[in-house]
Amino acid sequence: MDNVSIVVHKRDVTGTRAAKRLRKSGLIPGVLYGHGKDAVLIAVEPHALRDALSTSAGTHAVLDVTFEGQKRGHKAIVKELELDRVKSNVIHVDLQEIRLDETIETTVSIHFEGESKGVKSGGMLDESTREVTVRGVVTAIPEHLVLDISELDINETLKVSDLQVPEGIEILAEADEVLCSVLPPRKVEAEEGVEGEEAAEGEAGAAEPELVGKKEEEGEG
């Protein structure tokens, strides 16, 4: 995990109105939950939070949190981010203070590597999930897990059990949980359906002249 520095401000006022005023002033309200200590209300500048979470570790980075005007830092991780439903920007952040030798549970993203055999043959890759929950010492948590899909063929799947996990890391998801699969080509199925319809129409069309001819003969007699 990357270590990233971020400066935050202490705040004293709580409540929905106070949080709205804080956002209008250009700051993001939040809370730093202490390690065996009382939680501290904080405010973060949007650009500072954005920069801290823009490393390769993303939201899994270990943050070196420093209060404005102080030198001593607090190691913390992002516990929760609340996003605006419309604009999708961060409107509240919860940080959790940690020890570097502490075992934690967190979600880690999965990077699918390579192009599968099935996709090369016209199939479509179906990604069931792109992250899993893991447990391990803070400093051992990987930025992401890699899953090689190059040998994955049509109608085949890769599961949690297929992930290569670093030593000391435990995946908490079920081993048989599907991560991705390759679906058969839809185009072929569609063409077969069209051909079937055309054949049915052709048969119906061929029968019509015979029926008309019979009617005409009957009328003439």
Protein backbone atom coordinates (compact mmCIF):
# COMPACT_ATOMS: atom_id res chain seq x y z
CA MET A 1 0.00 0.00 0.00
CA ASP A 2 1.18 3.50 -0.81
CA ASN A 3 1.74 6.01 1.99
CA VAL A 4 0.27 9.41 1.16
CA SER A 5 0.32 12.61 3.20
CA ILE A 6 -2.82 14.68 3.65
CA VAL A 7 -3.50 17.74 5.81
CA VAL A 8 -6.93 18.07 7.45
CA HIS A 9 -8.65 20.69 9.60
CA LYS A 10 -10.34 20.15 12.94
CA ARG A 11 -13.97 21.21 13.25
CA ASP A 12 -16.14 21.63 16.31
CA VAL A 13 -19.69 22.05 15.03
CA THR A 14 -21.78 18.99 14.15
CA GLY A 15 -25.14 18.53 12.46
CA THR A 16 -26.61 18.61 8.97
CA ARG A 17 -26.74 22.41 8.74
CA ALA A 18 -23.13 22.77 9.81
CA ALA A 19 -22.09 20.17 7.22
CA LYS A 20 -23.98 22.03 4.49
CA ARG A 21 -22.31 25.31 5.44
CA LEU A 22 -18.94 23.58 5.39
CA ARG A 23 -19.54 22.22 1.89
CA LYS A 24 -20.63 25.65 0.67
CA SER A 25 -17.33 27.03 1.94
CA GLY A 26 -15.51 24.49 -0.23
CA LEU A 27 -14.60 21.84 2.35
CA ILE A 28 -15.63 18.21 2.82
CA PRO A 29 -16.79 17.23 6.33
CA GLY A 30 -15.48 14.00 7.81
CA VAL A 31 -14.51 12.01 10.87
CA LEU A 32 -11.20 10.49 11.96
CA TYR A 33 -11.93 7.47 14.12
CA GLY A 34 -9.13 7.04 16.64
CA HIS A 35 -7.34 3.82 17.44
CA GLY A 36 -8.75 3.34 20.94
CA LYS A 37 -9.33 7.09 21.17
CA ASP A 38 -12.31 9.38 20.68
CA ALA A 39 -13.31 10.22 17.14
CA VAL A 40 -12.28 13.66 15.86
CA LEU A 41 -14.40 15.79 13.53
CA ILE A 42 -12.40 16.92 10.51
CA ALA A 43 -12.74 18.93 7.31
CA VAL A 44 -10.75 18.19 4.16
CA GLU A 45 -10.04 20.28 1.09
CA PRO A 46 -11.42 18.48 -2.01
CA HIS A 47 -8.19 18.75 -3.98
CA ALA A 48 -6.17 17.35 -1.06
CA LEU A 49 -8.45 14.31 -0.78
CA ARG A 50 -8.48 13.86 -4.55
CA ASP A 51 -4.67 13.93 -4.71
CA ALA A 52 -4.38 11.48 -1.79
CA LEU A 53 -6.68 8.99 -3.50
CA SER A 54 -5.17 9.38 -6.98
CA THR A 55 -2.20 7.07 -6.44
CA SER A 56 -2.12 3.55 -7.84
CA ALA A 57 -3.54 2.31 -4.51
CA GLY A 58 -6.63 4.49 -4.87
CA THR A 59 -8.94 4.30 -1.86
CA HIS A 60 -6.71 1.57 -0.36
CA ALA A 61 -3.78 3.91 0.28
CA VAL A 62 -2.39 4.33 3.80
CA LEU A 63 -2.81 8.02 4.61
CA ASP A 64 -0.41 9.99 6.78
CA VAL A 65 -3.02 12.36 8.23
CA THR A 66 -1.72 15.58 9.78
CA PHE A 67 -3.86 18.25 11.42
CA GLU A 68 -3.20 21.78 10.19
CA GLY A 69 -0.54 23.44 12.35
CA GLN A 70 0.67 20.15 13.86
CA LYS A 71 3.64 17.95 12.99
CA ARG A 72 2.61 14.57 14.36
CA GLY A 73 0.84 12.41 11.81
CA HIS A 74 -1.79 9.70 12.16
CA LYS A 75 -1.72 6.61 9.96
CA ALA A 76 -5.21 6.01 8.60
CA ILE A 77 -7.18 4.39 5.83
CA VAL A 78 -10.44 5.40 4.16
CA LYS A 79 -13.26 3.69 5.99
CA GLU A 80 -16.12 5.13 3.94
CA LEU A 81 -16.75 7.73 1.25
CA GLU A 82 -20.22 9.23 0.83
CA LEU A 83 -20.98 10.50 -2.66
CA ASP A 84 -23.54 12.98 -3.91
CA ARG A 85 -26.27 11.01 -5.73
CA VAL A 86 -26.44 13.46 -8.61
CA LYS A 87 -22.93 14.90 -9.04
CA SER A 88 -21.06 11.83 -7.65
CA ASN A 89 -18.58 14.07 -5.82
CA VAL A 90 -17.47 13.23 -2.26
CA ILE A 91 -19.65 14.91 0.39
CA HIS A 92 -18.36 13.09 3.50
CA VAL A 93 -15.32 11.01 4.38
CA ASP A 94 -14.65 8.65 7.29
CA LEU A 95 -11.02 7.83 8.10
CA GLN A 96 -9.90 5.03 10.42
CA GLU A 97 -6.63 5.39 12.32
CA ILE A 98 -4.53 2.22 12.20
CA ARG A 99 -1.24 0.66 13.26
CA LEU A 100 1.02 -0.56 10.47
CA ASP A 101 1.32 -3.98 12.11
CA GLU A 102 -2.45 -4.29 12.45
CA THR A 103 -4.55 -6.87 10.58
CA ILE A 104 -7.47 -5.30 8.73
CA GLU A 105 -10.24 -6.27 6.33
CA THR A 106 -10.64 -4.26 3.13
CA THR A 107 -11.73 -4.59 -0.49
CA VAL A 108 -9.12 -4.99 -3.23
CA SER A 109 -9.77 -4.55 -6.95
CA ILE A 110 -9.14 -7.29 -9.52
CA HIS A 111 -7.31 -6.54 -12.79
CA PHE A 112 -8.19 -8.93 -15.63
CA GLU A 113 -5.02 -9.43 -17.65
CA GLY A 114 -4.75 -10.59 -21.26
CA GLU A 115 -7.32 -11.36 -23.97
CA SER A 116 -9.15 -14.64 -23.57
CA LYS A 117 -9.35 -17.36 -26.22
CA GLY A 118 -13.11 -17.12 -26.10
CA VAL A 119 -13.16 -13.40 -26.85
CA LYS A 120 -10.78 -13.93 -29.77
CA SER A 121 -13.26 -16.50 -31.11
CA GLY A 122 -16.12 -14.00 -30.95
CA GLY A 123 -17.35 -14.55 -27.40
CA MET A 124 -18.08 -11.79 -24.90
CA LEU A 125 -16.32 -11.40 -21.54
CA ASP A 126 -18.81 -11.15 -18.69
CA GLU A 127 -17.26 -9.63 -15.54
CA SER A 128 -19.28 -10.69 -12.50
CA THR A 129 -17.20 -8.69 -10.02
CA ARG A 130 -14.04 -6.60 -10.04
CA GLU A 131 -13.17 -6.68 -6.34
CA VAL A 132 -12.91 -9.03 -3.36
CA THR A 133 -12.64 -8.56 0.39
CA VAL A 134 -9.32 -9.58 1.91
CA ARG A 135 -7.74 -9.77 5.36
CA GLY A 136 -4.11 -9.13 6.18
CA VAL A 137 -1.51 -6.87 7.77
CA VAL A 138 -1.89 -3.29 6.54
CA THR A 139 1.51 -3.13 4.88
CA ALA A 140 0.93 -6.45 3.08
CA ILE A 141 -2.39 -5.53 1.46
CA PRO A 142 -1.78 -5.40 -2.33
CA GLU A 143 -2.91 -2.49 -4.48
CA HIS A 144 -4.82 -4.99 -6.62
CA LEU A 145 -4.94 -8.68 -7.55
CA VAL A 146 -4.18 -9.87 -11.09
CA LEU A 147 -6.19 -12.59 -12.84
CA ASP A 148 -4.82 -13.97 -16.13
CA ILE A 149 -7.77 -14.65 -18.45
CA SER A 150 -5.82 -15.48 -21.63
CA GLU A 151 -6.72 -19.22 -21.52
CA LEU A 152 -10.40 -18.62 -20.77
CA ASP A 153 -12.56 -20.10 -23.55
CA ILE A 154 -16.25 -19.79 -24.45
CA ASN A 155 -18.59 -21.12 -21.71
CA GLU A 156 -15.71 -21.28 -19.23
CA THR A 157 -15.45 -19.37 -15.93
CA LEU A 158 -12.76 -18.19 -13.52
CA LYS A 159 -13.45 -18.16 -9.81
CA VAL A 160 -12.01 -16.72 -6.61
CA SER A 161 -10.01 -19.94 -6.21
CA ASP A 162 -8.14 -19.06 -9.44
CA LEU A 163 -6.64 -15.87 -7.94
CA GLN A 164 -2.97 -15.81 -6.99
CA VAL A 165 -2.85 -14.32 -3.50
CA PRO A 166 0.28 -12.87 -1.84
CA GLU A 167 1.60 -14.63 1.24
CA GLY A 168 -0.10 -13.48 4.42
CA ILE A 169 -3.27 -12.37 2.65
CA GLU A 170 -6.58 -14.20 3.06
CA ILE A 171 -9.50 -13.78 0.68
CA LEU A 172 -12.79 -13.72 2.56
CA ALA A 173 -15.02 -14.41 -0.45
CA GLU A 174 -16.24 -17.94 -1.22
CA ALA A 175 -13.73 -19.95 -3.29
CA ASP A 176 -16.39 -20.90 -5.88
CA GLU A 177 -17.61 -17.33 -6.43
CA VAL A 178 -17.46 -16.56 -10.17
CA LEU A 179 -15.31 -13.58 -11.15
CA CYS A 180 -15.73 -13.69 -14.92
CA SER A 181 -16.82 -15.92 -17.79
CA VAL A 182 -16.98 -15.89 -21.59
CA LEU A 183 -20.45 -15.95 -23.15
CA PRO A 184 -21.15 -17.41 -26.62
CA PRO A 185 -21.34 -14.95 -29.53
CA ARG A 186 -24.77 -13.31 -29.67
CA LYS A 187 -24.42 -12.57 -33.39
CA VAL A 188 -24.44 -16.24 -34.32
CA GLU A 189 -27.57 -16.85 -32.26
CA ALA A 190 -29.27 -13.86 -33.87
CA GLU A 191 -28.37 -15.02 -37.42
CA GLU A 192 -29.74 -18.49 -36.70
CA GLY A 193 -32.98 -16.91 -35.54
CA VAL A 194 -33.24 -14.80 -38.70
CA GLU A 195 -32.54 -17.79 -40.96
CA GLY A 196 -35.25 -19.75 -39.18
CA GLU A 197 -37.75 -16.96 -39.71
CA GLU A 198 -36.83 -16.62 -43.39
CA ALA A 199 -37.23 -20.35 -43.91
CA ALA A 200 -40.66 -20.29 -42.27
CA GLU A 201 -41.73 -17.34 -44.39
CA GLY A 202 -40.48 -19.12 -47.54
CA GLU A 203 -42.52 -22.22 -46.76
CA ALA A 204 -45.63 -20.16 -46.11
CA GLY A 205 -45.09 -18.17 -49.32
CA ALA A 206 -44.66 -21.31 -51.41
CA ALA A 207 -47.98 -22.69 -50.20
CA GLU A 208 -50.05 -19.63 -51.06
CA PRO A 209 -50.06 -19.94 -54.93
CA GLU A 210 -51.28 -23.55 -54.71
CA LEU A 211 -54.21 -22.56 -52.52
CA VAL A 212 -55.10 -19.63 -54.78
CA GLY A 213 -54.92 -21.84 -57.87
CA LYS A 214 -57.30 -24.36 -56.35
CA LYS A 215 -59.77 -21.65 -55.46
CA GLU A 216 -59.68 -20.29 -59.00
CA GLU A 217 -60.23 -23.72 -60.51
CA GLU A 218 -63.14 -24.36 -58.21
CA GLY A 219 -64.63 -21.01 -59.15
CA GLU A 220 -64.31 -21.67 -62.86
CA GLY A 221 -66.07 -25.02 -62.58
